Amino acid sequence: MISKKKLGLIIIALAVLIGVLSRSFSIIPNLVGKIICGNNYMQPVDGVVGDVSCGFNTDMHLIALSIAGLITGIILVLLSKGVTK
């Protein structure tokens, strides 16, 4: 079984990786947007083309997921050290 500390470190690493990749390259947000929105992704709305064309802003959701992952990982690491109870 994997320890809380290792699981927390893995979650932190994945959260940072997703956050950096999502802000540096548009590969992950585009993929998520295409999966969730289908053919409506990046279609013009009121003459403006953007990633909120189907009502889903992939960049903001991925960064929120990264922050939630960081917080969860930090909590797991702290719990493994017995700092918080």
N, C-alpha and C. Protein backbone atom coordinates (compact mmCIF):
# COMPACT_ATOMS: atom_id res chain seq x y z
N MET A 1 0.84 -1.18 0.00
CA MET A 1 0.00 0.00 0.00
C MET A 1 0.88 1.24 0.00
N ILE A 2 0.44 2.24 -0.69
CA ILE A 2 1.20 3.48 -0.81
C ILE A 2 0.93 4.37 0.41
N SER A 3 1.98 4.99 0.92
CA SER A 3 1.84 5.82 2.11
C SER A 3 1.19 7.16 1.76
N LYS A 4 0.71 7.84 2.81
CA LYS A 4 0.09 9.15 2.61
C LYS A 4 1.10 10.15 2.05
N LYS A 5 2.33 10.06 2.52
CA LYS A 5 3.35 11.00 2.08
C LYS A 5 3.64 10.82 0.59
N LYS A 6 3.81 9.57 0.14
CA LYS A 6 4.08 9.31 -1.28
C LYS A 6 2.90 9.73 -2.15
N LEU A 7 1.70 9.41 -1.69
CA LEU A 7 0.50 9.79 -2.44
C LEU A 7 0.39 11.31 -2.52
N GLY A 8 0.67 12.00 -1.43
CA GLY A 8 0.63 13.46 -1.43
C GLY A 8 1.65 14.05 -2.38
N LEU A 9 2.86 13.50 -2.39
CA LEU A 9 3.90 14.00 -3.28
C LEU A 9 3.56 13.74 -4.75
N ILE A 10 2.94 12.60 -5.02
CA ILE A 10 2.52 12.29 -6.39
C ILE A 10 1.43 13.27 -6.84
N ILE A 11 0.47 13.53 -5.97
CA ILE A 11 -0.61 14.47 -6.29
C ILE A 11 -0.05 15.87 -6.51
N ILE A 12 0.89 16.30 -5.66
CA ILE A 12 1.51 17.62 -5.83
C ILE A 12 2.23 17.71 -7.16
N ALA A 13 3.01 16.68 -7.49
CA ALA A 13 3.76 16.68 -8.75
C ALA A 13 2.82 16.73 -9.95
N LEU A 14 1.75 15.94 -9.93
CA LEU A 14 0.79 15.95 -11.03
C LEU A 14 0.07 17.29 -11.14
N ALA A 15 -0.27 17.89 -10.01
CA ALA A 15 -0.95 19.19 -10.03
C ALA A 15 -0.05 20.27 -10.62
N VAL A 16 1.21 20.26 -10.23
CA VAL A 16 2.15 21.25 -10.78
C VAL A 16 2.34 21.01 -12.27
N LEU A 17 2.49 19.75 -12.66
CA LEU A 17 2.68 19.42 -14.07
C LEU A 17 1.49 19.86 -14.91
N ILE A 18 0.29 19.56 -14.44
CA ILE A 18 -0.92 19.97 -15.18
C ILE A 18 -1.00 21.49 -15.25
N GLY A 19 -0.72 22.17 -14.15
CA GLY A 19 -0.77 23.62 -14.14
C GLY A 19 0.23 24.25 -15.09
N VAL A 20 1.47 23.76 -15.07
CA VAL A 20 2.51 24.32 -15.94
C VAL A 20 2.21 24.03 -17.40
N LEU A 21 1.82 22.78 -17.69
CA LEU A 21 1.52 22.43 -19.08
C LEU A 21 0.30 23.18 -19.60
N SER A 22 -0.69 23.35 -18.75
CA SER A 22 -1.89 24.03 -19.22
C SER A 22 -1.64 25.51 -19.47
N ARG A 23 -0.75 26.13 -18.70
CA ARG A 23 -0.45 27.55 -18.91
C ARG A 23 0.60 27.75 -20.00
N SER A 24 1.49 26.79 -20.20
CA SER A 24 2.57 26.93 -21.19
C SER A 24 2.13 26.55 -22.60
N PHE A 25 1.38 25.48 -22.69
CA PHE A 25 0.94 24.98 -23.99
C PHE A 25 -0.58 24.89 -23.95
N SER A 26 -1.19 24.96 -25.09
CA SER A 26 -2.66 24.89 -25.12
C SER A 26 -3.14 23.48 -25.44
N ILE A 27 -2.27 22.49 -25.35
CA ILE A 27 -2.65 21.11 -25.70
C ILE A 27 -3.70 20.57 -24.74
N ILE A 28 -3.45 20.66 -23.44
CA ILE A 28 -4.38 20.09 -22.47
C ILE A 28 -5.72 20.84 -22.46
N PRO A 29 -5.73 22.18 -22.39
CA PRO A 29 -7.04 22.86 -22.44
C PRO A 29 -7.81 22.59 -23.72
N ASN A 30 -7.13 22.53 -24.85
CA ASN A 30 -7.83 22.24 -26.11
C ASN A 30 -8.43 20.84 -26.10
N LEU A 31 -7.67 19.87 -25.60
CA LEU A 31 -8.17 18.50 -25.54
C LEU A 31 -9.39 18.40 -24.62
N VAL A 32 -9.28 19.00 -23.44
CA VAL A 32 -10.40 18.96 -22.49
C VAL A 32 -11.62 19.68 -23.07
N GLY A 33 -11.39 20.83 -23.70
CA GLY A 33 -12.49 21.57 -24.31
C GLY A 33 -13.18 20.78 -25.40
N LYS A 34 -12.40 20.08 -26.23
CA LYS A 34 -12.99 19.28 -27.31
C LYS A 34 -13.76 18.09 -26.76
N ILE A 35 -13.27 17.51 -25.67
CA ILE A 35 -13.98 16.36 -25.07
C ILE A 35 -15.31 16.82 -24.46
N ILE A 36 -15.28 17.92 -23.72
CA ILE A 36 -16.49 18.37 -23.02
C ILE A 36 -17.49 19.05 -23.96
N CYS A 37 -17.00 19.89 -24.87
CA CYS A 37 -17.89 20.69 -25.69
C CYS A 37 -18.20 20.08 -27.05
N GLY A 38 -17.38 19.15 -27.50
CA GLY A 38 -17.62 18.54 -28.81
C GLY A 38 -17.46 19.52 -29.94
N ASN A 39 -18.41 19.52 -30.86
CA ASN A 39 -18.33 20.38 -32.05
C ASN A 39 -18.53 21.86 -31.74
N ASN A 40 -19.04 22.20 -30.57
CA ASN A 40 -19.26 23.60 -30.21
C ASN A 40 -18.00 24.30 -29.74
N TYR A 41 -16.91 23.55 -29.50
CA TYR A 41 -15.69 24.15 -28.96
C TYR A 41 -15.06 25.09 -29.98
N MET A 42 -14.73 26.28 -29.53
CA MET A 42 -14.07 27.32 -30.32
C MET A 42 -14.91 27.79 -31.51
N GLN A 43 -16.21 27.78 -31.35
CA GLN A 43 -17.09 28.32 -32.36
C GLN A 43 -17.38 29.79 -32.03
N PRO A 44 -17.60 30.61 -33.04
CA PRO A 44 -17.86 32.04 -32.78
C PRO A 44 -19.15 32.24 -31.97
N VAL A 45 -19.05 33.10 -30.97
CA VAL A 45 -20.21 33.52 -30.19
C VAL A 45 -20.25 35.04 -30.26
N ASP A 46 -21.31 35.57 -30.83
CA ASP A 46 -21.43 37.02 -31.04
C ASP A 46 -20.24 37.57 -31.81
N GLY A 47 -19.73 36.79 -32.75
CA GLY A 47 -18.63 37.23 -33.59
C GLY A 47 -17.25 37.07 -32.98
N VAL A 48 -17.17 36.54 -31.77
CA VAL A 48 -15.88 36.37 -31.10
C VAL A 48 -15.61 34.88 -30.94
N VAL A 49 -14.41 34.45 -31.34
CA VAL A 49 -14.01 33.05 -31.17
C VAL A 49 -13.20 32.95 -29.89
N GLY A 50 -13.58 32.05 -29.02
CA GLY A 50 -12.85 31.86 -27.77
C GLY A 50 -13.17 30.53 -27.15
N ASP A 51 -12.43 30.16 -26.11
CA ASP A 51 -12.62 28.85 -25.51
C ASP A 51 -13.84 28.78 -24.59
N VAL A 52 -14.59 29.86 -24.45
CA VAL A 52 -15.82 29.82 -23.65
C VAL A 52 -17.04 29.72 -24.55
N SER A 53 -16.84 29.27 -25.78
CA SER A 53 -17.93 29.24 -26.75
C SER A 53 -19.04 28.27 -26.38
N CYS A 54 -18.74 27.27 -25.56
CA CYS A 54 -19.82 26.36 -25.14
C CYS A 54 -20.12 26.55 -23.66
N GLY A 55 -19.67 27.65 -23.09
CA GLY A 55 -19.95 27.94 -21.68
C GLY A 55 -18.98 27.28 -20.73
N PHE A 56 -17.83 26.83 -21.22
CA PHE A 56 -16.87 26.13 -20.36
C PHE A 56 -15.49 26.68 -20.64
N ASN A 57 -14.89 27.36 -19.67
CA ASN A 57 -13.56 27.91 -19.81
C ASN A 57 -12.56 26.89 -19.29
N THR A 58 -11.91 26.18 -20.20
CA THR A 58 -11.04 25.07 -19.81
C THR A 58 -9.82 25.53 -19.02
N ASP A 59 -9.25 26.67 -19.36
CA ASP A 59 -8.07 27.15 -18.64
C ASP A 59 -8.36 27.34 -17.15
N MET A 60 -9.45 28.02 -16.86
CA MET A 60 -9.78 28.29 -15.46
C MET A 60 -10.11 27.03 -14.69
N HIS A 61 -10.79 26.09 -15.32
CA HIS A 61 -11.12 24.84 -14.64
C HIS A 61 -9.87 24.00 -14.38
N LEU A 62 -8.93 23.96 -15.32
CA LEU A 62 -7.70 23.19 -15.11
C LEU A 62 -6.83 23.81 -14.02
N ILE A 63 -6.75 25.12 -13.96
CA ILE A 63 -5.98 25.77 -12.90
C ILE A 63 -6.64 25.54 -11.54
N ALA A 64 -7.97 25.61 -11.49
CA ALA A 64 -8.68 25.32 -10.24
C ALA A 64 -8.43 23.88 -9.80
N LEU A 65 -8.42 22.95 -10.75
CA LEU A 65 -8.12 21.55 -10.44
C LEU A 65 -6.69 21.41 -9.93
N SER A 66 -5.75 22.13 -10.51
CA SER A 66 -4.36 22.09 -10.06
C SER A 66 -4.22 22.61 -8.64
N ILE A 67 -4.90 23.71 -8.34
CA ILE A 67 -4.83 24.28 -6.99
C ILE A 67 -5.44 23.32 -5.98
N ALA A 68 -6.57 22.71 -6.33
CA ALA A 68 -7.20 21.73 -5.43
C ALA A 68 -6.27 20.53 -5.22
N GLY A 69 -5.57 20.10 -6.27
CA GLY A 69 -4.62 19.01 -6.14
C GLY A 69 -3.45 19.37 -5.24
N LEU A 70 -2.95 20.59 -5.39
CA LEU A 70 -1.85 21.05 -4.53
C LEU A 70 -2.27 21.06 -3.06
N ILE A 71 -3.44 21.59 -2.78
CA ILE A 71 -3.92 21.65 -1.40
C ILE A 71 -4.11 20.24 -0.84
N THR A 72 -4.69 19.35 -1.62
CA THR A 72 -4.90 17.97 -1.18
C THR A 72 -3.56 17.29 -0.91
N GLY A 73 -2.60 17.47 -1.81
CA GLY A 73 -1.28 16.85 -1.63
C GLY A 73 -0.57 17.38 -0.41
N ILE A 74 -0.64 18.68 -0.19
CA ILE A 74 0.01 19.27 0.99
C ILE A 74 -0.62 18.74 2.27
N ILE A 75 -1.94 18.63 2.28
CA ILE A 75 -2.62 18.09 3.47
C ILE A 75 -2.19 16.65 3.73
N LEU A 76 -2.10 15.83 2.68
CA LEU A 76 -1.67 14.45 2.86
C LEU A 76 -0.24 14.35 3.39
N VAL A 77 0.64 15.20 2.88
CA VAL A 77 2.02 15.19 3.36
C VAL A 77 2.08 15.61 4.83
N LEU A 78 1.32 16.66 5.18
CA LEU A 78 1.30 17.09 6.58
C LEU A 78 0.71 16.05 7.50
N LEU A 79 -0.34 15.37 7.04
CA LEU A 79 -0.94 14.31 7.86
C LEU A 79 0.00 13.14 8.08
N SER A 80 0.85 12.87 7.07
CA SER A 80 1.79 11.76 7.20
C SER A 80 2.87 12.06 8.23
N LYS A 81 3.15 13.34 8.46
CA LYS A 81 4.17 13.74 9.43
C LYS A 81 3.58 13.94 10.83
N GLY A 82 2.28 13.88 10.93
CA GLY A 82 1.63 14.05 12.21
C GLY A 82 1.58 15.50 12.68
N VAL A 83 1.73 16.46 11.75
CA VAL A 83 1.70 17.86 12.13
C VAL A 83 0.28 18.30 12.46
N THR A 84 -0.68 17.84 11.65
CA THR A 84 -2.08 18.19 11.89
C THR A 84 -2.86 16.95 12.28
N LYS A 85 -3.85 17.16 13.12
CA LYS A 85 -4.68 16.01 13.52
C LYS A 85 -6.13 16.42 13.58
